[in-house]
N, C-alpha and C. Protein backbone atom coordinates (compact mmCIF):
# COMPACT_ATOMS: atom_id res chain seq x y z
N MET A 1 -15.87 3.26 -12.07
CA MET A 1 -16.75 2.12 -11.80
C MET A 1 -16.00 0.82 -12.09
N LYS A 2 -16.11 -0.13 -11.19
CA LYS A 2 -15.42 -1.40 -11.39
C LYS A 2 -16.10 -2.20 -12.49
N THR A 3 -15.30 -2.89 -13.28
CA THR A 3 -15.89 -3.71 -14.34
C THR A 3 -16.54 -4.95 -13.75
N GLN A 4 -17.66 -5.33 -14.36
CA GLN A 4 -18.41 -6.49 -13.90
C GLN A 4 -18.64 -7.44 -15.07
N THR A 5 -18.54 -8.72 -14.78
CA THR A 5 -18.90 -9.72 -15.79
C THR A 5 -20.42 -9.78 -15.87
N PRO A 6 -20.96 -10.32 -16.97
CA PRO A 6 -22.43 -10.49 -17.04
C PRO A 6 -22.98 -11.28 -15.85
N GLU A 7 -22.22 -12.27 -15.41
CA GLU A 7 -22.66 -13.09 -14.27
C GLU A 7 -22.73 -12.24 -13.00
N GLU A 8 -21.73 -11.38 -12.80
CA GLU A 8 -21.73 -10.50 -11.63
C GLU A 8 -22.88 -9.50 -11.67
N LYS A 9 -23.15 -8.96 -12.87
CA LYS A 9 -24.27 -8.02 -13.01
C LYS A 9 -25.58 -8.70 -12.62
N LYS A 10 -25.71 -9.95 -13.05
CA LYS A 10 -26.91 -10.72 -12.72
C LYS A 10 -27.01 -10.93 -11.20
N GLN A 11 -25.87 -11.24 -10.57
CA GLN A 11 -25.86 -11.44 -9.11
C GLN A 11 -26.25 -10.15 -8.38
N VAL A 12 -25.76 -9.02 -8.87
CA VAL A 12 -26.09 -7.73 -8.25
C VAL A 12 -27.59 -7.48 -8.35
N GLU A 13 -28.14 -7.68 -9.53
CA GLU A 13 -29.58 -7.46 -9.74
C GLU A 13 -30.41 -8.38 -8.85
N GLU A 14 -29.99 -9.64 -8.74
CA GLU A 14 -30.72 -10.61 -7.90
C GLU A 14 -30.66 -10.20 -6.43
N ALA A 15 -29.47 -9.76 -5.99
CA ALA A 15 -29.30 -9.38 -4.59
C ALA A 15 -30.16 -8.17 -4.23
N ILE A 16 -30.29 -7.24 -5.19
CA ILE A 16 -31.11 -6.05 -4.94
C ILE A 16 -32.60 -6.42 -4.90
N ALA A 17 -32.99 -7.35 -5.76
CA ALA A 17 -34.41 -7.71 -5.87
C ALA A 17 -34.85 -8.74 -4.83
N ASN A 18 -33.90 -9.54 -4.33
CA ASN A 18 -34.26 -10.70 -3.51
C ASN A 18 -33.44 -10.75 -2.23
N PRO A 19 -34.06 -10.49 -1.07
CA PRO A 19 -33.32 -10.51 0.20
C PRO A 19 -32.60 -11.84 0.48
N ALA A 20 -33.18 -12.95 0.02
CA ALA A 20 -32.54 -14.25 0.24
C ALA A 20 -31.21 -14.34 -0.52
N ALA A 21 -31.17 -13.80 -1.73
CA ALA A 21 -29.93 -13.80 -2.52
C ALA A 21 -28.88 -12.92 -1.85
N LEU A 22 -29.32 -11.79 -1.29
CA LEU A 22 -28.39 -10.91 -0.58
C LEU A 22 -27.85 -11.60 0.68
N ASN A 23 -28.73 -12.29 1.39
CA ASN A 23 -28.30 -13.03 2.59
C ASN A 23 -27.25 -14.07 2.26
N GLU A 24 -27.42 -14.73 1.12
CA GLU A 24 -26.44 -15.74 0.69
C GLU A 24 -25.06 -15.12 0.49
N LEU A 25 -25.04 -13.95 -0.13
CA LEU A 25 -23.77 -13.25 -0.34
C LEU A 25 -23.12 -12.87 0.99
N ILE A 26 -23.94 -12.37 1.91
CA ILE A 26 -23.41 -11.98 3.23
C ILE A 26 -22.84 -13.19 3.95
N GLU A 27 -23.56 -14.31 3.87
CA GLU A 27 -23.07 -15.54 4.52
C GLU A 27 -21.77 -16.02 3.89
N ALA A 28 -21.63 -15.81 2.59
CA ALA A 28 -20.40 -16.24 1.89
C ALA A 28 -19.17 -15.48 2.37
N LEU A 29 -19.37 -14.30 2.97
CA LEU A 29 -18.23 -13.53 3.49
C LEU A 29 -17.52 -14.26 4.63
N SER A 30 -18.23 -15.16 5.29
CA SER A 30 -17.59 -15.91 6.37
C SER A 30 -17.40 -17.38 6.02
N SER A 31 -17.51 -17.71 4.72
CA SER A 31 -17.36 -19.11 4.30
C SER A 31 -15.90 -19.52 4.28
N GLY A 32 -15.67 -20.81 4.07
CA GLY A 32 -14.29 -21.32 4.09
C GLY A 32 -13.50 -21.03 2.83
N SER A 33 -14.16 -20.61 1.77
CA SER A 33 -13.49 -20.45 0.49
C SER A 33 -13.01 -19.02 0.28
N ARG A 34 -11.72 -18.88 0.11
CA ARG A 34 -11.13 -17.56 -0.16
C ARG A 34 -11.76 -16.93 -1.41
N ARG A 35 -11.82 -17.73 -2.46
CA ARG A 35 -12.37 -17.22 -3.72
C ARG A 35 -13.84 -16.83 -3.57
N GLY A 36 -14.57 -17.66 -2.83
CA GLY A 36 -16.00 -17.37 -2.59
C GLY A 36 -16.20 -16.08 -1.83
N ARG A 37 -15.34 -15.84 -0.83
CA ARG A 37 -15.43 -14.60 -0.05
C ARG A 37 -15.12 -13.39 -0.93
N GLN A 38 -14.08 -13.50 -1.74
CA GLN A 38 -13.69 -12.39 -2.60
C GLN A 38 -14.81 -12.05 -3.58
N GLN A 39 -15.37 -13.08 -4.19
CA GLN A 39 -16.43 -12.87 -5.18
C GLN A 39 -17.66 -12.25 -4.53
N ALA A 40 -18.04 -12.76 -3.36
CA ALA A 40 -19.21 -12.22 -2.66
C ALA A 40 -18.97 -10.76 -2.28
N ALA A 41 -17.77 -10.45 -1.80
CA ALA A 41 -17.45 -9.08 -1.39
C ALA A 41 -17.51 -8.12 -2.58
N LYS A 42 -17.03 -8.60 -3.74
CA LYS A 42 -17.06 -7.77 -4.95
C LYS A 42 -18.50 -7.45 -5.36
N VAL A 43 -19.35 -8.46 -5.33
CA VAL A 43 -20.76 -8.25 -5.71
C VAL A 43 -21.45 -7.34 -4.69
N ILE A 44 -21.16 -7.54 -3.41
CA ILE A 44 -21.76 -6.71 -2.36
C ILE A 44 -21.36 -5.24 -2.54
N ALA A 45 -20.09 -5.00 -2.89
CA ALA A 45 -19.64 -3.62 -3.13
C ALA A 45 -20.42 -2.98 -4.28
N ALA A 46 -20.71 -3.77 -5.31
CA ALA A 46 -21.50 -3.27 -6.44
C ALA A 46 -22.95 -3.01 -6.03
N VAL A 47 -23.47 -3.86 -5.16
CA VAL A 47 -24.82 -3.64 -4.62
C VAL A 47 -24.85 -2.32 -3.84
N ALA A 48 -23.81 -2.09 -3.03
CA ALA A 48 -23.74 -0.86 -2.23
C ALA A 48 -23.72 0.38 -3.11
N ALA A 49 -23.01 0.29 -4.23
CA ALA A 49 -22.94 1.42 -5.15
C ALA A 49 -24.30 1.73 -5.77
N ALA A 50 -25.11 0.67 -5.94
CA ALA A 50 -26.43 0.83 -6.58
C ALA A 50 -27.54 1.14 -5.58
N ASN A 51 -27.47 0.52 -4.39
CA ASN A 51 -28.55 0.65 -3.42
C ASN A 51 -28.03 0.33 -2.01
N SER A 52 -27.33 1.29 -1.42
CA SER A 52 -26.65 1.02 -0.15
C SER A 52 -27.61 0.75 1.01
N GLU A 53 -28.83 1.30 0.93
CA GLU A 53 -29.78 1.16 2.05
C GLU A 53 -30.04 -0.30 2.43
N ILE A 54 -30.10 -1.17 1.40
CA ILE A 54 -30.48 -2.56 1.71
C ILE A 54 -29.36 -3.30 2.46
N LEU A 55 -28.17 -2.69 2.53
CA LEU A 55 -27.06 -3.34 3.24
C LEU A 55 -26.94 -2.90 4.70
N VAL A 56 -27.71 -1.91 5.11
CA VAL A 56 -27.61 -1.41 6.49
C VAL A 56 -27.79 -2.53 7.53
N PRO A 57 -28.78 -3.44 7.36
CA PRO A 57 -28.94 -4.50 8.36
C PRO A 57 -27.73 -5.46 8.42
N HIS A 58 -26.88 -5.40 7.40
CA HIS A 58 -25.74 -6.33 7.33
C HIS A 58 -24.40 -5.66 7.67
N ALA A 59 -24.47 -4.42 8.18
CA ALA A 59 -23.24 -3.67 8.43
C ALA A 59 -22.30 -4.41 9.38
N ALA A 60 -22.84 -5.06 10.41
CA ALA A 60 -21.98 -5.76 11.39
C ALA A 60 -21.23 -6.92 10.73
N ALA A 61 -21.88 -7.61 9.79
CA ALA A 61 -21.21 -8.71 9.07
C ALA A 61 -20.09 -8.18 8.19
N LEU A 62 -20.27 -6.99 7.64
CA LEU A 62 -19.22 -6.37 6.82
C LEU A 62 -18.03 -5.96 7.68
N VAL A 63 -18.31 -5.46 8.86
CA VAL A 63 -17.22 -5.13 9.80
C VAL A 63 -16.45 -6.40 10.16
N ASP A 64 -17.19 -7.47 10.43
CA ASP A 64 -16.55 -8.75 10.77
C ASP A 64 -15.67 -9.27 9.64
N ALA A 65 -16.09 -9.02 8.39
CA ALA A 65 -15.33 -9.52 7.23
C ALA A 65 -13.98 -8.84 7.08
N LEU A 66 -13.75 -7.74 7.79
CA LEU A 66 -12.43 -7.09 7.75
C LEU A 66 -11.36 -7.94 8.45
N GLU A 67 -11.81 -9.02 9.09
CA GLU A 67 -10.87 -9.95 9.74
C GLU A 67 -10.37 -11.03 8.78
N ARG A 68 -10.90 -11.10 7.57
CA ARG A 68 -10.48 -12.15 6.64
C ARG A 68 -9.05 -11.90 6.17
N PRO A 69 -8.33 -12.97 5.81
CA PRO A 69 -6.91 -12.78 5.46
C PRO A 69 -6.66 -12.14 4.10
N GLU A 70 -7.55 -12.37 3.14
CA GLU A 70 -7.26 -11.89 1.78
C GLU A 70 -7.61 -10.41 1.62
N ALA A 71 -6.74 -9.72 0.87
CA ALA A 71 -6.87 -8.27 0.72
C ALA A 71 -8.16 -7.87 0.02
N GLN A 72 -8.54 -8.59 -1.05
CA GLN A 72 -9.69 -8.14 -1.84
C GLN A 72 -10.98 -8.14 -1.03
N THR A 73 -11.20 -9.19 -0.26
CA THR A 73 -12.41 -9.23 0.57
C THR A 73 -12.46 -7.99 1.46
N ARG A 74 -11.32 -7.64 2.03
CA ARG A 74 -11.29 -6.50 2.95
C ARG A 74 -11.48 -5.18 2.23
N TRP A 75 -10.84 -5.00 1.05
CA TRP A 75 -11.01 -3.69 0.41
C TRP A 75 -12.42 -3.52 -0.15
N GLU A 76 -13.03 -4.61 -0.65
CA GLU A 76 -14.41 -4.50 -1.13
C GLU A 76 -15.35 -4.16 0.04
N CYS A 77 -15.11 -4.77 1.21
CA CYS A 77 -15.96 -4.49 2.38
C CYS A 77 -15.74 -3.07 2.90
N LEU A 78 -14.51 -2.59 2.85
CA LEU A 78 -14.26 -1.19 3.25
C LEU A 78 -14.95 -0.22 2.30
N ASP A 79 -14.92 -0.52 1.00
CA ASP A 79 -15.63 0.31 0.03
C ASP A 79 -17.13 0.32 0.34
N THR A 80 -17.66 -0.85 0.69
CA THR A 80 -19.08 -0.96 1.02
C THR A 80 -19.40 -0.18 2.28
N LEU A 81 -18.57 -0.34 3.31
CA LEU A 81 -18.80 0.37 4.57
C LEU A 81 -18.72 1.88 4.39
N ALA A 82 -17.84 2.33 3.50
CA ALA A 82 -17.76 3.77 3.22
C ALA A 82 -19.10 4.29 2.69
N GLN A 83 -19.78 3.45 1.89
CA GLN A 83 -21.11 3.83 1.38
C GLN A 83 -22.15 3.87 2.50
N LEU A 84 -21.93 3.08 3.55
CA LEU A 84 -22.91 2.98 4.64
C LEU A 84 -22.72 4.04 5.72
N VAL A 85 -21.60 4.76 5.70
CA VAL A 85 -21.32 5.75 6.75
C VAL A 85 -22.48 6.72 6.97
N PRO A 86 -23.06 7.30 5.90
CA PRO A 86 -24.15 8.26 6.14
C PRO A 86 -25.42 7.59 6.70
N LEU A 87 -25.53 6.27 6.54
CA LEU A 87 -26.75 5.55 6.93
C LEU A 87 -26.64 4.91 8.30
N ASP A 88 -25.45 4.48 8.69
CA ASP A 88 -25.26 3.81 9.99
C ASP A 88 -23.82 4.05 10.48
N GLY A 89 -23.56 5.30 10.81
CA GLY A 89 -22.21 5.69 11.24
C GLY A 89 -21.76 4.96 12.49
N ARG A 90 -22.71 4.64 13.37
CA ARG A 90 -22.34 4.00 14.64
C ARG A 90 -21.73 2.62 14.42
N THR A 91 -22.37 1.81 13.56
CA THR A 91 -21.81 0.49 13.26
C THR A 91 -20.51 0.63 12.48
N CYS A 92 -20.48 1.57 11.54
CA CYS A 92 -19.26 1.77 10.74
C CYS A 92 -18.06 2.14 11.62
N GLU A 93 -18.35 2.84 12.71
CA GLU A 93 -17.26 3.21 13.64
C GLU A 93 -16.54 1.98 14.19
N LYS A 94 -17.28 0.87 14.29
CA LYS A 94 -16.68 -0.37 14.79
C LYS A 94 -15.68 -0.95 13.80
N ALA A 95 -15.67 -0.43 12.56
CA ALA A 95 -14.73 -0.91 11.55
C ALA A 95 -13.37 -0.23 11.63
N VAL A 96 -13.21 0.75 12.53
CA VAL A 96 -11.95 1.50 12.59
C VAL A 96 -10.74 0.58 12.86
N PRO A 97 -10.82 -0.37 13.81
CA PRO A 97 -9.65 -1.25 14.01
C PRO A 97 -9.28 -2.05 12.75
N GLY A 98 -10.29 -2.56 12.05
CA GLY A 98 -10.03 -3.29 10.81
C GLY A 98 -9.45 -2.38 9.74
N ALA A 99 -9.95 -1.14 9.69
CA ALA A 99 -9.43 -0.17 8.71
C ALA A 99 -7.98 0.20 9.04
N GLU A 100 -7.67 0.29 10.33
CA GLU A 100 -6.29 0.60 10.74
C GLU A 100 -5.33 -0.49 10.26
N THR A 101 -5.70 -1.74 10.47
CA THR A 101 -4.87 -2.86 10.00
C THR A 101 -4.69 -2.79 8.49
N ALA A 102 -5.79 -2.49 7.79
CA ALA A 102 -5.75 -2.42 6.33
C ALA A 102 -4.87 -1.27 5.84
N LEU A 103 -4.94 -0.14 6.55
CA LEU A 103 -4.19 1.06 6.13
C LEU A 103 -2.68 0.82 6.15
N PHE A 104 -2.24 -0.06 7.03
CA PHE A 104 -0.80 -0.30 7.15
C PHE A 104 -0.38 -1.68 6.62
N ASP A 105 -1.23 -2.23 5.73
CA ASP A 105 -0.90 -3.49 5.05
C ASP A 105 0.16 -3.20 3.98
N GLU A 106 1.33 -3.77 4.14
CA GLU A 106 2.44 -3.43 3.22
C GLU A 106 2.33 -4.11 1.87
N ASP A 107 1.43 -5.09 1.75
CA ASP A 107 1.37 -5.89 0.53
C ASP A 107 0.31 -5.45 -0.47
N SER A 108 -0.65 -4.61 -0.05
CA SER A 108 -1.76 -4.31 -0.95
C SER A 108 -2.08 -2.82 -1.00
N GLY A 109 -1.74 -2.20 -2.13
CA GLY A 109 -2.07 -0.79 -2.34
C GLY A 109 -3.57 -0.53 -2.38
N PRO A 110 -4.35 -1.35 -3.13
CA PRO A 110 -5.80 -1.13 -3.14
C PRO A 110 -6.43 -1.21 -1.75
N LEU A 111 -5.91 -2.09 -0.91
CA LEU A 111 -6.44 -2.22 0.45
C LEU A 111 -6.13 -0.96 1.27
N ARG A 112 -4.90 -0.45 1.15
CA ARG A 112 -4.54 0.77 1.87
C ARG A 112 -5.41 1.95 1.42
N LEU A 113 -5.63 2.04 0.11
CA LEU A 113 -6.45 3.13 -0.42
C LEU A 113 -7.89 3.03 0.08
N ALA A 114 -8.45 1.83 0.06
CA ALA A 114 -9.83 1.65 0.55
C ALA A 114 -9.94 2.04 2.02
N ALA A 115 -8.91 1.71 2.80
CA ALA A 115 -8.91 2.06 4.23
C ALA A 115 -8.88 3.57 4.41
N MET A 116 -8.03 4.25 3.65
CA MET A 116 -7.96 5.71 3.77
C MET A 116 -9.29 6.35 3.35
N ARG A 117 -9.87 5.86 2.28
CA ARG A 117 -11.17 6.41 1.84
C ARG A 117 -12.24 6.22 2.91
N PHE A 118 -12.26 5.03 3.52
CA PHE A 118 -13.25 4.77 4.57
C PHE A 118 -13.04 5.70 5.76
N LEU A 119 -11.79 5.82 6.22
CA LEU A 119 -11.50 6.66 7.38
C LEU A 119 -11.84 8.13 7.10
N CYS A 120 -11.56 8.58 5.88
CA CYS A 120 -11.91 9.95 5.51
C CYS A 120 -13.42 10.17 5.53
N ARG A 121 -14.14 9.22 4.97
CA ARG A 121 -15.61 9.33 4.92
C ARG A 121 -16.19 9.34 6.34
N LEU A 122 -15.71 8.44 7.19
CA LEU A 122 -16.21 8.37 8.56
C LEU A 122 -15.81 9.61 9.35
N GLY A 123 -14.55 9.99 9.24
CA GLY A 123 -14.03 11.10 10.04
C GLY A 123 -14.65 12.44 9.70
N ALA A 124 -15.17 12.58 8.48
CA ALA A 124 -15.75 13.85 8.05
C ALA A 124 -17.14 14.10 8.64
N THR A 125 -17.72 13.09 9.30
CA THR A 125 -19.13 13.20 9.72
C THR A 125 -19.32 13.99 11.01
N THR A 126 -18.39 13.87 11.96
CA THR A 126 -18.50 14.62 13.22
C THR A 126 -17.11 14.99 13.72
N GLU A 127 -17.06 16.02 14.57
CA GLU A 127 -15.77 16.43 15.15
C GLU A 127 -15.13 15.29 15.94
N LYS A 128 -15.97 14.59 16.71
CA LYS A 128 -15.45 13.50 17.54
C LYS A 128 -14.82 12.39 16.69
N ARG A 129 -15.50 12.04 15.60
CA ARG A 129 -14.95 11.00 14.72
C ARG A 129 -13.69 11.49 14.01
N SER A 130 -13.65 12.78 13.68
CA SER A 130 -12.43 13.30 13.04
C SER A 130 -11.23 13.15 13.98
N GLU A 131 -11.47 13.37 15.27
CA GLU A 131 -10.40 13.21 16.26
C GLU A 131 -9.98 11.75 16.38
N LYS A 132 -10.95 10.86 16.22
CA LYS A 132 -10.66 9.42 16.36
C LYS A 132 -9.81 8.90 15.19
N VAL A 133 -10.13 9.33 13.97
CA VAL A 133 -9.43 8.77 12.80
C VAL A 133 -8.16 9.55 12.43
N TRP A 134 -8.06 10.81 12.85
CA TRP A 134 -6.95 11.63 12.38
C TRP A 134 -5.57 11.03 12.69
N PRO A 135 -5.29 10.51 13.90
CA PRO A 135 -3.94 9.95 14.14
C PRO A 135 -3.58 8.84 13.14
N LEU A 136 -4.57 8.03 12.75
CA LEU A 136 -4.32 6.96 11.77
C LEU A 136 -4.07 7.56 10.39
N MET A 137 -4.91 8.52 10.02
CA MET A 137 -4.73 9.18 8.73
C MET A 137 -3.38 9.87 8.64
N ASP A 138 -3.01 10.55 9.71
CA ASP A 138 -1.75 11.29 9.72
C ASP A 138 -0.56 10.34 9.51
N GLU A 139 -0.61 9.21 10.21
CA GLU A 139 0.46 8.22 10.04
C GLU A 139 0.45 7.64 8.62
N GLY A 140 -0.76 7.40 8.11
CA GLY A 140 -0.90 6.87 6.75
C GLY A 140 -0.34 7.83 5.71
N ILE A 141 -0.62 9.13 5.88
CA ILE A 141 -0.10 10.15 4.95
C ILE A 141 1.42 10.11 4.93
N GLN A 142 2.01 9.97 6.11
CA GLN A 142 3.47 9.94 6.18
C GLN A 142 4.05 8.64 5.60
N CYS A 143 3.37 7.53 5.90
CA CYS A 143 3.88 6.22 5.44
C CYS A 143 3.84 6.06 3.93
N TRP A 144 2.74 6.53 3.31
CA TRP A 144 2.49 6.19 1.90
C TRP A 144 2.66 7.39 0.97
N HIS A 145 3.35 8.39 1.44
CA HIS A 145 3.47 9.66 0.71
C HIS A 145 3.92 9.49 -0.74
N GLY A 146 4.88 8.61 -0.99
CA GLY A 146 5.39 8.48 -2.36
C GLY A 146 4.75 7.34 -3.15
N ASP A 147 3.74 6.72 -2.56
CA ASP A 147 3.17 5.52 -3.17
C ASP A 147 2.28 5.81 -4.37
N LEU A 148 2.05 4.78 -5.14
CA LEU A 148 1.20 4.85 -6.32
C LEU A 148 -0.21 5.33 -5.98
N GLU A 149 -0.72 4.91 -4.83
CA GLU A 149 -2.11 5.24 -4.45
C GLU A 149 -2.24 6.60 -3.79
N PHE A 150 -1.11 7.26 -3.53
CA PHE A 150 -1.18 8.46 -2.69
C PHE A 150 -2.02 9.57 -3.32
N GLN A 151 -1.93 9.73 -4.65
CA GLN A 151 -2.73 10.77 -5.31
C GLN A 151 -4.23 10.52 -5.10
N ASP A 152 -4.64 9.25 -5.17
CA ASP A 152 -6.04 8.92 -4.93
C ASP A 152 -6.42 9.11 -3.46
N MET A 153 -5.47 8.81 -2.57
CA MET A 153 -5.71 9.08 -1.15
C MET A 153 -5.99 10.57 -0.94
N LEU A 154 -5.23 11.42 -1.64
CA LEU A 154 -5.40 12.87 -1.48
C LEU A 154 -6.80 13.33 -1.89
N ILE A 155 -7.38 12.67 -2.89
CA ILE A 155 -8.75 13.03 -3.29
C ILE A 155 -9.71 12.79 -2.12
N ALA A 156 -9.52 11.65 -1.43
CA ALA A 156 -10.34 11.35 -0.25
C ALA A 156 -10.06 12.34 0.88
N ILE A 157 -8.80 12.74 1.02
CA ILE A 157 -8.42 13.67 2.09
C ILE A 157 -9.00 15.06 1.80
N ILE A 158 -9.11 15.44 0.51
CA ILE A 158 -9.77 16.71 0.16
C ILE A 158 -11.21 16.69 0.66
N ASP A 159 -11.92 15.58 0.42
CA ASP A 159 -13.30 15.46 0.91
C ASP A 159 -13.34 15.55 2.43
N PHE A 160 -12.41 14.87 3.08
CA PHE A 160 -12.31 14.90 4.55
C PHE A 160 -12.14 16.34 5.03
N SER A 161 -11.28 17.10 4.34
CA SER A 161 -10.97 18.48 4.77
C SER A 161 -12.18 19.41 4.67
N GLN A 162 -13.21 18.97 3.94
CA GLN A 162 -14.44 19.77 3.81
C GLN A 162 -15.52 19.31 4.80
N GLY A 163 -15.18 18.33 5.64
CA GLY A 163 -16.16 17.77 6.57
C GLY A 163 -16.25 18.52 7.88
N LYS A 164 -16.97 17.90 8.83
CA LYS A 164 -17.17 18.53 10.15
C LYS A 164 -16.00 18.16 11.06
N LEU A 165 -14.87 18.81 10.87
CA LEU A 165 -13.66 18.44 11.60
C LEU A 165 -13.49 19.27 12.87
N ALA A 166 -12.90 18.64 13.87
CA ALA A 166 -12.52 19.38 15.08
C ALA A 166 -11.46 20.42 14.70
N PRO A 167 -11.48 21.60 15.33
CA PRO A 167 -10.52 22.66 14.99
C PRO A 167 -9.06 22.21 15.03
N GLU A 168 -8.73 21.38 16.03
CA GLU A 168 -7.33 20.92 16.14
C GLU A 168 -6.96 19.94 15.03
N VAL A 169 -7.96 19.19 14.54
CA VAL A 169 -7.71 18.28 13.40
C VAL A 169 -7.47 19.10 12.13
N LYS A 170 -8.30 20.14 11.93
CA LYS A 170 -8.10 21.03 10.78
C LYS A 170 -6.70 21.63 10.79
N ALA A 171 -6.28 22.10 11.97
CA ALA A 171 -4.96 22.74 12.08
C ALA A 171 -3.85 21.73 11.80
N ALA A 172 -4.00 20.51 12.34
CA ALA A 172 -2.96 19.48 12.15
C ALA A 172 -2.89 19.03 10.70
N LEU A 173 -4.06 18.90 10.04
CA LEU A 173 -4.09 18.50 8.63
C LEU A 173 -3.44 19.58 7.75
N ALA A 174 -3.76 20.83 8.03
CA ALA A 174 -3.14 21.92 7.27
C ALA A 174 -1.62 21.90 7.45
N ASP A 175 -1.18 21.70 8.69
CA ASP A 175 0.27 21.63 8.95
C ASP A 175 0.92 20.47 8.20
N ARG A 176 0.24 19.34 8.18
CA ARG A 176 0.79 18.15 7.53
C ARG A 176 0.94 18.37 6.02
N MET A 177 0.01 19.10 5.40
CA MET A 177 0.02 19.26 3.95
C MET A 177 0.76 20.51 3.48
N ARG A 178 1.17 21.34 4.41
CA ARG A 178 1.77 22.63 4.02
C ARG A 178 3.06 22.47 3.23
N PHE A 179 3.87 21.49 3.60
CA PHE A 179 5.15 21.28 2.89
C PHE A 179 4.88 20.98 1.41
N ASP A 180 3.94 20.06 1.15
CA ASP A 180 3.62 19.72 -0.25
C ASP A 180 2.97 20.89 -0.97
N ALA A 181 2.17 21.69 -0.25
CA ALA A 181 1.53 22.85 -0.86
C ALA A 181 2.59 23.88 -1.30
N THR A 182 3.69 23.93 -0.57
CA THR A 182 4.76 24.88 -0.90
C THR A 182 5.78 24.30 -1.88
N ASN A 183 6.18 23.05 -1.63
CA ASN A 183 7.31 22.47 -2.35
C ASN A 183 6.95 21.38 -3.36
N GLY A 184 5.68 20.94 -3.35
CA GLY A 184 5.28 19.85 -4.24
C GLY A 184 5.21 20.31 -5.69
N ARG A 185 4.90 19.36 -6.56
CA ARG A 185 4.75 19.67 -7.99
C ARG A 185 3.47 19.06 -8.53
N GLY A 186 3.00 19.64 -9.62
CA GLY A 186 1.87 19.05 -10.34
C GLY A 186 0.63 18.86 -9.47
N MET A 187 -0.01 17.69 -9.63
CA MET A 187 -1.26 17.41 -8.92
C MET A 187 -1.05 17.34 -7.41
N LEU A 188 0.11 16.86 -6.99
CA LEU A 188 0.40 16.79 -5.54
C LEU A 188 0.30 18.19 -4.94
N LYS A 189 0.96 19.15 -5.56
CA LYS A 189 0.95 20.53 -5.06
C LYS A 189 -0.47 21.09 -5.09
N LYS A 190 -1.17 20.88 -6.21
CA LYS A 190 -2.52 21.42 -6.38
C LYS A 190 -3.46 20.88 -5.30
N ARG A 191 -3.40 19.57 -5.07
CA ARG A 191 -4.31 18.96 -4.09
C ARG A 191 -3.93 19.37 -2.67
N ALA A 192 -2.63 19.46 -2.40
CA ALA A 192 -2.19 19.88 -1.07
C ALA A 192 -2.66 21.30 -0.77
N ILE A 193 -2.55 22.19 -1.76
CA ILE A 193 -3.01 23.58 -1.59
C ILE A 193 -4.51 23.59 -1.28
N GLN A 194 -5.26 22.77 -2.01
CA GLN A 194 -6.71 22.72 -1.81
C GLN A 194 -7.05 22.27 -0.38
N ILE A 195 -6.32 21.27 0.11
CA ILE A 195 -6.56 20.76 1.48
C ILE A 195 -6.26 21.86 2.50
N VAL A 196 -5.11 22.52 2.34
CA VAL A 196 -4.73 23.59 3.27
C VAL A 196 -5.79 24.71 3.26
N GLU A 197 -6.22 25.10 2.07
CA GLU A 197 -7.22 26.16 1.96
C GLU A 197 -8.55 25.77 2.62
N ASN A 198 -8.95 24.52 2.41
CA ASN A 198 -10.20 24.03 3.04
C ASN A 198 -10.10 24.08 4.56
N CYS A 199 -8.93 23.73 5.08
CA CYS A 199 -8.74 23.70 6.54
C CYS A 199 -8.69 25.09 7.15
N GLU A 200 -8.32 26.07 6.33
CA GLU A 200 -8.16 27.43 6.85
C GLU A 200 -9.41 28.28 6.67
N LYS A 201 -10.45 27.71 6.08
CA LYS A 201 -11.72 28.45 5.89
C LYS A 201 -12.41 28.67 7.22
């Protein structure tokens, strides 16, 4: 759970209780202030963790916020959209281009991780979506294999491997992880084995 200041906790409670306060936060995502956007996105992500349903009407604004230049606004919005996938998958699907850009951002590990988590959550919902996100995920796995965030990415990929995947996606994911399942060490090996086993069920 992300740490919150007392002021942020108060903002989260107000946003949940008062639609006008929530609207203000959503509007701040497109404001001129970088800091204001980041702060609003952080509070919105906390709202999503507590009560994601109230953000469904604002899903399109969250997708739009993936166009902002700063990494934090984008990763907080991707975290929020990941929470909305079960509630409004169709709108969340429109976030795939923004998630793709985020996944290959060379400057921000948290942004790349949020993108992978979002794509895994979305792709696990239907075979068609798994086919749509898999090429991006596959490239991401190869690009960030040795990175600090990769172990956390694997946790999201384990969840993905248990989803409603197209047979060819399952086969490709198992093939991609087989080397680590055989030759990896420690948690990398353990998680890779789990992914391969899930895909072969």
